[in-house]
PDB file of N, CA and C in Angstrom:
ATOM      1  N   UNK A   1     119.617 164.225-137.233  1.00  0.00           N
ATOM      2  CA  UNK A   1     118.621 163.817-136.276  1.00  0.00           C
ATOM      3  C   UNK A   1     117.636 162.822-136.865  1.00  0.00           C
ATOM      4  N   UNK A   2     117.575 162.722-138.162  1.00  0.00           N
ATOM      5  CA  UNK A   2     116.613 161.818-138.771  1.00  0.00           C
ATOM      6  C   UNK A   2     116.907 160.365-138.393  1.00  0.00           C
ATOM      7  N   UNK A   3     118.170 159.979-138.359  1.00  0.00           N
ATOM      8  CA  UNK A   3     118.540 158.612-137.988  1.00  0.00           C
ATOM      9  C   UNK A   3     118.142 158.320-136.550  1.00  0.00           C
ATOM     10  N   UNK A   4     118.377 159.252-135.668  1.00  0.00           N
ATOM     11  CA  UNK A   4     118.024 159.062-134.260  1.00  0.00           C
ATOM     12  C   UNK A   4     116.515 158.960-134.096  1.00  0.00           C
ATOM     13  N   UNK A   5     115.759 159.761-134.856  1.00  0.00           N
ATOM     14  CA  UNK A   5     114.300 159.666-134.790  1.00  0.00           C
ATOM     15  C   UNK A   5     113.815 158.303-135.269  1.00  0.00           C
ATOM     16  N   UNK A   6     114.436 157.769-136.332  1.00  0.00           N
ATOM     17  CA  UNK A   6     114.055 156.435-136.819  1.00  0.00           C
ATOM     18  C   UNK A   6     114.344 155.377-135.762  1.00  0.00           C
ATOM     19  N   UNK A   7     115.473 155.491-135.117  1.00  0.00           N
ATOM     20  CA  UNK A   7     115.826 154.520-134.082  1.00  0.00           C
ATOM     21  C   UNK A   7     114.827 154.586-132.931  1.00  0.00           C
ATOM     22  N   UNK A   8     114.443 155.791-132.552  1.00  0.00           N
ATOM     23  CA  UNK A   8     113.500 155.951-131.448  1.00  0.00           C
ATOM     24  C   UNK A   8     112.120 155.413-131.785  1.00  0.00           C
ATOM     25  N   UNK A   9     111.733 155.448-133.050  1.00  0.00           N
ATOM     26  CA  UNK A   9     110.387 155.009-133.432  1.00  0.00           C
ATOM     27  C   UNK A   9     110.344 153.548-133.856  1.00  0.00           C
ATOM     28  N   UNK A  10     111.335 152.779-133.543  1.00  0.00           N
ATOM     29  CA  UNK A  10     111.311 151.353-133.842  1.00  0.00           C
ATOM     30  C   UNK A  10     112.090 150.976-135.080  1.00  0.00           C
ATOM     31  N   UNK A  11     112.828 151.897-135.647  1.00  0.00           N
ATOM     32  CA  UNK A  11     113.617 151.597-136.827  1.00  0.00           C
ATOM     33  C   UNK A  11     114.950 150.962-136.505  1.00  0.00           C
ATOM     34  N   UNK A  12     115.146 150.615-135.241  1.00  0.00           N
ATOM     35  CA  UNK A  12     116.419 150.021-134.837  1.00  0.00           C
ATOM     36  C   UNK A  12     116.672 148.710-135.562  1.00  0.00           C
ATOM     37  N   UNK A  13     115.618 147.963-135.852  1.00  0.00           N
ATOM     38  CA  UNK A  13     115.783 146.692-136.559  1.00  0.00           C
ATOM     39  C   UNK A  13     116.273 146.952-137.977  1.00  0.00           C
ATOM     40  N   UNK A  14     115.689 147.929-138.639  1.00  0.00           N
ATOM     41  CA  UNK A  14     116.103 148.250-140.007  1.00  0.00           C
ATOM     42  C   UNK A  14     117.533 148.767-140.043  1.00  0.00           C
ATOM     43  N   UNK A  15     117.865 149.641-139.116  1.00  0.00           N
ATOM     44  CA  UNK A  15     119.217 150.196-139.071  1.00  0.00           C
ATOM     45  C   UNK A  15     120.227 149.101-138.742  1.00  0.00           C
ATOM     46  N   UNK A  16     119.900 148.242-137.792  1.00  0.00           N
ATOM     47  CA  UNK A  16     120.799 147.148-137.420  1.00  0.00           C
ATOM     48  C   UNK A  16     120.996 146.174-138.571  1.00  0.00           C
ATOM     49  N   UNK A  17     119.912 145.853-139.273  1.00  0.00           N
ATOM     50  CA  UNK A  17     120.004 144.949-140.415  1.00  0.00           C
ATOM     51  C   UNK A  17     120.892 145.535-141.496  1.00  0.00           C
ATOM     52  N   UNK A  18     120.731 146.822-141.767  1.00  0.00           N
ATOM     53  CA  UNK A  18     121.564 147.480-142.769  1.00  0.00           C
ATOM     54  C   UNK A  18     123.031 147.461-142.360  1.00  0.00           C
ATOM     55  N   UNK A  19     123.314 147.787-141.111  1.00  0.00           N
ATOM     56  CA  UNK A  19     124.704 147.823-140.649  1.00  0.00           C
ATOM     57  C   UNK A  19     125.346 146.439-140.671  1.00  0.00           C
ATOM     58  N   UNK A  20     124.607 145.421-140.273  1.00  0.00           N
ATOM     59  CA  UNK A  20     125.144 144.058-140.307  1.00  0.00           C
ATOM     60  C   UNK A  20     125.413 143.632-141.744  1.00  0.00           C
ATOM     61  N   UNK A  21     124.497 143.964-142.652  1.00  0.00           N
ATOM     62  CA  UNK A  21     124.698 143.642-144.066  1.00  0.00           C
ATOM     63  C   UNK A  21     125.899 144.356-144.653  1.00  0.00           C
ATOM     64  N   UNK A  22     126.052 145.637-144.301  1.00  0.00           N
ATOM     65  CA  UNK A  22     127.192 146.405-144.801  1.00  0.00           C
ATOM     66  C   UNK A  22     128.506 145.842-144.264  1.00  0.00           C
ATOM     67  N   UNK A  23     128.527 145.474-142.996  1.00  0.00           N
ATOM     68  CA  UNK A  23     129.737 144.882-142.413  1.00  0.00           C
ATOM     69  C   UNK A  23     130.057 143.532-143.037  1.00  0.00           C
ATOM     70  N   UNK A  24     129.031 142.740-143.320  1.00  0.00           N
ATOM     71  CA  UNK A  24     129.250 141.438-143.956  1.00  0.00           C
ATOM     72  C   UNK A  24     129.831 141.622-145.356  1.00  0.00           C
ATOM     73  N   UNK A  25     129.312 142.594-146.107  1.00  0.00           N
ATOM     74  CA  UNK A  25     129.843 142.860-147.452  1.00  0.00           C
ATOM     75  C   UNK A  25     131.292 143.326-147.381  1.00  0.00           C
ATOM     76  N   UNK A  26     131.596 144.191-146.425  1.00  0.00           N
ATOM     77  CA  UNK A  26     132.966 144.676-146.273  1.00  0.00           C
ATOM     78  C   UNK A  26     133.908 143.534-145.894  1.00  0.00           C
ATOM     79  N   UNK A  27     133.465 142.671-144.981  1.00  0.00           N
ATOM     80  CA  UNK A  27     134.292 141.531-144.574  1.00  0.00           C
ATOM     81  C   UNK A  27     134.514 140.567-145.735  1.00  0.00           C
ATOM     82  N   UNK A  28     133.485 140.353-146.551  1.00  0.00           N
ATOM     83  CA  UNK A  28     133.630 139.479-147.722  1.00  0.00           C
ATOM     84  C   UNK A  28     134.594 140.092-148.725  1.00  0.00           C
ATOM     85  N   UNK A  29     134.553 141.412-148.883  1.00  0.00           N
ATOM     86  CA  UNK A  29     135.463 142.101-149.798  1.00  0.00           C
ATOM     87  C   UNK A  29     136.908 141.944-149.314  1.00  0.00           C
ATOM     88  N   UNK A  30     137.125 142.108-148.014  1.00  0.00           N
ATOM     89  CA  UNK A  30     138.468 141.932-147.447  1.00  0.00           C
ATOM     90  C   UNK A  30     138.931 140.485-147.634  1.00  0.00           C
ATOM     91  N   UNK A  31     138.026 139.524-147.442  1.00  0.00           N
ATOM     92  CA  UNK A  31     138.360 138.115-147.655  1.00  0.00           C
ATOM     93  C   UNK A  31     138.802 137.886-149.089  1.00  0.00           C
ATOM     94  N   UNK A  32     138.100 138.496-150.034  1.00  0.00           N
ATOM     95  CA  UNK A  32     138.464 138.389-151.451  1.00  0.00           C
ATOM     96  C   UNK A  32     139.875 138.926-151.684  1.00  0.00           C
ATOM     97  N   UNK A  33     140.171 140.078-151.127  1.00  0.00           N
ATOM     98  CA  UNK A  33     141.484 140.698-151.324  1.00  0.00           C
ATOM     99  C   UNK A  33     142.590 139.812-150.750  1.00  0.00           C
ATOM    100  N   UNK A  34     142.411 139.347-149.520  1.00  0.00           N
ATOM    101  CA  UNK A  34     143.432 138.525-148.864  1.00  0.00           C
ATOM    102  C   UNK A  34     143.633 137.214-149.618  1.00  0.00           C
ATOM    103  N   UNK A  35     142.533 136.586-150.029  1.00  0.00           N
ATOM    104  CA  UNK A  35     142.625 135.317-150.753  1.00  0.00           C
ATOM    105  C   UNK A  35     143.353 135.497-152.080  1.00  0.00           C
ATOM    106  N   UNK A  36     143.030 136.563-152.789  1.00  0.00           N
ATOM    107  CA  UNK A  36     143.685 136.803-154.082  1.00  0.00           C
ATOM    108  C   UNK A  36     145.169 137.101-153.902  1.00  0.00           C
ATOM    109  N   UNK A  37     145.539 137.851-152.851  1.00  0.00           N
ATOM    110  CA  UNK A  37     146.954 138.100-152.581  1.00  0.00           C
ATOM    111  C   UNK A  37     147.682 136.800-152.254  1.00  0.00           C
ATOM    112  N   UNK A  38     147.079 135.963-151.428  1.00  0.00           N
ATOM    113  CA  UNK A  38     147.720 134.713-151.024  1.00  0.00           C
ATOM    114  C   UNK A  38     147.912 133.761-152.193  1.00  0.00           C
ATOM    115  N   UNK A  39     146.959 133.738-153.111  1.00  0.00           N
ATOM    116  CA  UNK A  39     147.030 132.815-154.247  1.00  0.00           C
ATOM    117  C   UNK A  39     147.672 133.434-155.484  1.00  0.00           C
ATOM    118  N   UNK A  40     148.016 134.703-155.418  1.00  0.00           N
ATOM    119  CA  UNK A  40     148.648 135.368-156.553  1.00  0.00           C
ATOM    120  C   UNK A  40     147.717 135.562-157.742  1.00  0.00           C
ATOM    121  N   UNK A  41     146.439 135.694-157.492  1.00  0.00           N
ATOM    122  CA  UNK A  41     145.453 135.883-158.559  1.00  0.00           C
ATOM    123  C   UNK A  41     145.275 137.380-158.819  1.00  0.00           C
ATOM    124  N   UNK A  42     146.225 137.977-159.507  1.00  0.00           N
ATOM    125  CA  UNK A  42     146.251 139.428-159.686  1.00  0.00           C
ATOM    126  C   UNK A  42     145.126 139.924-160.583  1.00  0.00           C
ATOM    127  N   UNK A  43     144.809 139.160-161.621  1.00  0.00           N
ATOM    128  CA  UNK A  43     143.719 139.562-162.509  1.00  0.00           C
ATOM    129  C   UNK A  43     142.380 139.560-161.795  1.00  0.00           C
ATOM    130  N   UNK A  44     142.144 138.515-161.017  1.00  0.00           N
ATOM    131  CA  UNK A  44     140.887 138.418-160.277  1.00  0.00           C
ATOM    132  C   UNK A  44     140.814 139.482-159.189  1.00  0.00           C
ATOM    133  N   UNK A  45     141.962 139.822-158.607  1.00  0.00           N
ATOM    134  CA  UNK A  45     142.010 140.893-157.616  1.00  0.00           C
ATOM    135  C   UNK A  45     141.588 142.212-158.248  1.00  0.00           C
ATOM    136  N   UNK A  46     142.078 142.480-159.444  1.00  0.00           N
ATOM    137  CA  UNK A  46     141.717 143.710-160.149  1.00  0.00           C
ATOM    138  C   UNK A  46     140.236 143.732-160.511  1.00  0.00           C
ATOM    139  N   UNK A  47     139.714 142.605-160.985  1.00  0.00           N
ATOM    140  CA  UNK A  47     138.286 142.534-161.328  1.00  0.00           C
ATOM    141  C   UNK A  47     137.433 142.773-160.085  1.00  0.00           C
ATOM    142  N   UNK A  48     137.814 142.185-158.966  1.00  0.00           N
ATOM    143  CA  UNK A  48     137.073 142.384-157.722  1.00  0.00           C
ATOM    144  C   UNK A  48     137.149 143.808-157.215  1.00  0.00           C
ATOM    145  N   UNK A  49     138.245 144.480-157.496  1.00  0.00           N
ATOM    146  CA  UNK A  49     138.366 145.876-157.094  1.00  0.00           C
ATOM    147  C   UNK A  49     137.491 146.776-157.960  1.00  0.00           C
ATOM    148  N   UNK A  50     137.361 146.435-159.229  1.00  0.00           N
ATOM    149  CA  UNK A  50     136.555 147.257-160.135  1.00  0.00           C
ATOM    150  C   UNK A  50     135.060 146.971-159.999  1.00  0.00           C
ATOM    151  N   UNK A  51     134.711 145.720-159.767  1.00  0.00           N
ATOM    152  CA  UNK A  51     133.309 145.314-159.663  1.00  0.00           C
ATOM    153  C   UNK A  51     133.082 144.716-158.279  1.00  0.00           C
ATOM    154  N   UNK A  52     132.673 145.560-157.350  1.00  0.00           N
ATOM    155  CA  UNK A  52     132.525 145.194-155.940  1.00  0.00           C
ATOM    156  C   UNK A  52     131.665 143.948-155.716  1.00  0.00           C
ATOM    157  N   UNK A  53     130.517 143.783-156.416  1.00  0.00           N
ATOM    158  CA  UNK A  53     129.691 142.584-156.158  1.00  0.00           C
ATOM    159  C   UNK A  53     130.411 141.267-156.448  1.00  0.00           C
ATOM    160  N   UNK A  54     131.293 141.261-157.428  1.00  0.00           N
ATOM    161  CA  UNK A  54     132.047 140.039-157.728  1.00  0.00           C
ATOM    162  C   UNK A  54     132.944 139.688-156.546  1.00  0.00           C
ATOM    163  N   UNK A  55     133.575 140.686-155.972  1.00  0.00           N
ATOM    164  CA  UNK A  55     134.442 140.453-154.820  1.00  0.00           C
ATOM    165  C   UNK A  55     133.645 139.951-153.623  1.00  0.00           C
ATOM    166  N   UNK A  56     132.456 140.508-153.412  1.00  0.00           N
ATOM    167  CA  UNK A  56     131.627 140.083-152.282  1.00  0.00           C
ATOM    168  C   UNK A  56     131.176 138.634-152.466  1.00  0.00           C
ATOM    169  N   UNK A  57     130.736 138.285-153.665  1.00  0.00           N
ATOM    170  CA  UNK A  57     130.308 136.908-153.934  1.00  0.00           C
ATOM    171  C   UNK A  57     131.476 135.941-153.750  1.00  0.00           C
ATOM    172  N   UNK A  58     132.643 136.322-154.240  1.00  0.00           N
ATOM    173  CA  UNK A  58     133.821 135.464-154.081  1.00  0.00           C
ATOM    174  C   UNK A  58     134.190 135.315-152.608  1.00  0.00           C
ATOM    175  N   UNK A  59     134.166 136.417-151.859  1.00  0.00           N
ATOM    176  CA  UNK A  59     134.497 136.353-150.435  1.00  0.00           C
ATOM    177  C   UNK A  59     133.556 135.459-149.656  1.00  0.00           C
ATOM    178  N   UNK A  60     132.257 135.563-149.932  1.00  0.00           N
ATOM    179  CA  UNK A  60     131.282 134.704-149.258  1.00  0.00           C
ATOM    180  C   UNK A  60     131.488 133.254-149.675  1.00  0.00           C
ATOM    181  N   UNK A  61     131.809 133.037-150.936  1.00  0.00           N
ATOM    182  CA  UNK A  61     132.088 131.683-151.406  1.00  0.00           C
ATOM    183  C   UNK A  61     133.290 131.072-150.717  1.00  0.00           C
ATOM    184  N   UNK A  62     134.299 131.881-150.453  1.00  0.00           N
ATOM    185  CA  UNK A  62     135.480 131.391-149.727  1.00  0.00           C
ATOM    186  C   UNK A  62     135.085 131.004-148.306  1.00  0.00           C
ATOM    187  N   UNK A  63     134.226 131.796-147.671  1.00  0.00           N
ATOM    188  CA  UNK A  63     133.780 131.469-146.310  1.00  0.00           C
ATOM    189  C   UNK A  63     133.141 130.099-146.247  1.00  0.00           C
ATOM    190  N   UNK A  64     132.313 129.790-147.244  1.00  0.00           N
ATOM    191  CA  UNK A  64     131.565 128.535-147.232  1.00  0.00           C
ATOM    192  C   UNK A  64     132.280 127.401-147.961  1.00  0.00           C
ATOM    193  N   UNK A  65     133.507 127.641-148.390  1.00  0.00           N
ATOM    194  CA  UNK A  65     134.307 126.590-148.997  1.00  0.00           C
ATOM    195  C   UNK A  65     133.970 126.279-150.440  1.00  0.00           C
ATOM    196  N   UNK A  66     133.296 127.189-151.125  1.00  0.00           N
ATOM    197  CA  UNK A  66     132.959 126.952-152.527  1.00  0.00           C
ATOM    198  C   UNK A  66     134.171 127.133-153.433  1.00  0.00           C
ATOM    199  N   UNK A  67     135.055 128.068-153.067  1.00  0.00           N
ATOM    200  CA  UNK A  67     136.284 128.296-153.822  1.00  0.00           C
ATOM    201  C   UNK A  67     137.443 128.235-152.839  1.00  0.00           C
ATOM    202  N   UNK A  68     138.399 127.389-153.135  1.00  0.00           N
ATOM    203  CA  UNK A  68     139.563 127.259-152.243  1.00  0.00           C
ATOM    204  C   UNK A  68     140.795 127.820-152.895  1.00  0.00           C
TER     205      UNK A  68
END
């Protein structure tokens, strides 16, 4: 009930921001996995699986064309 109480008291912005951020990180992680599979970068795939932030940064970089 604590989450529902926060939403009722105006915490909807905080909860929405957190959920959007979490979804963006998950989507970037999936982008990293797909890109590494397509390019055959097995070592980088393993590093991204072990260190989640590296995978997220790489996935976001792929979105913006920093790494092709």
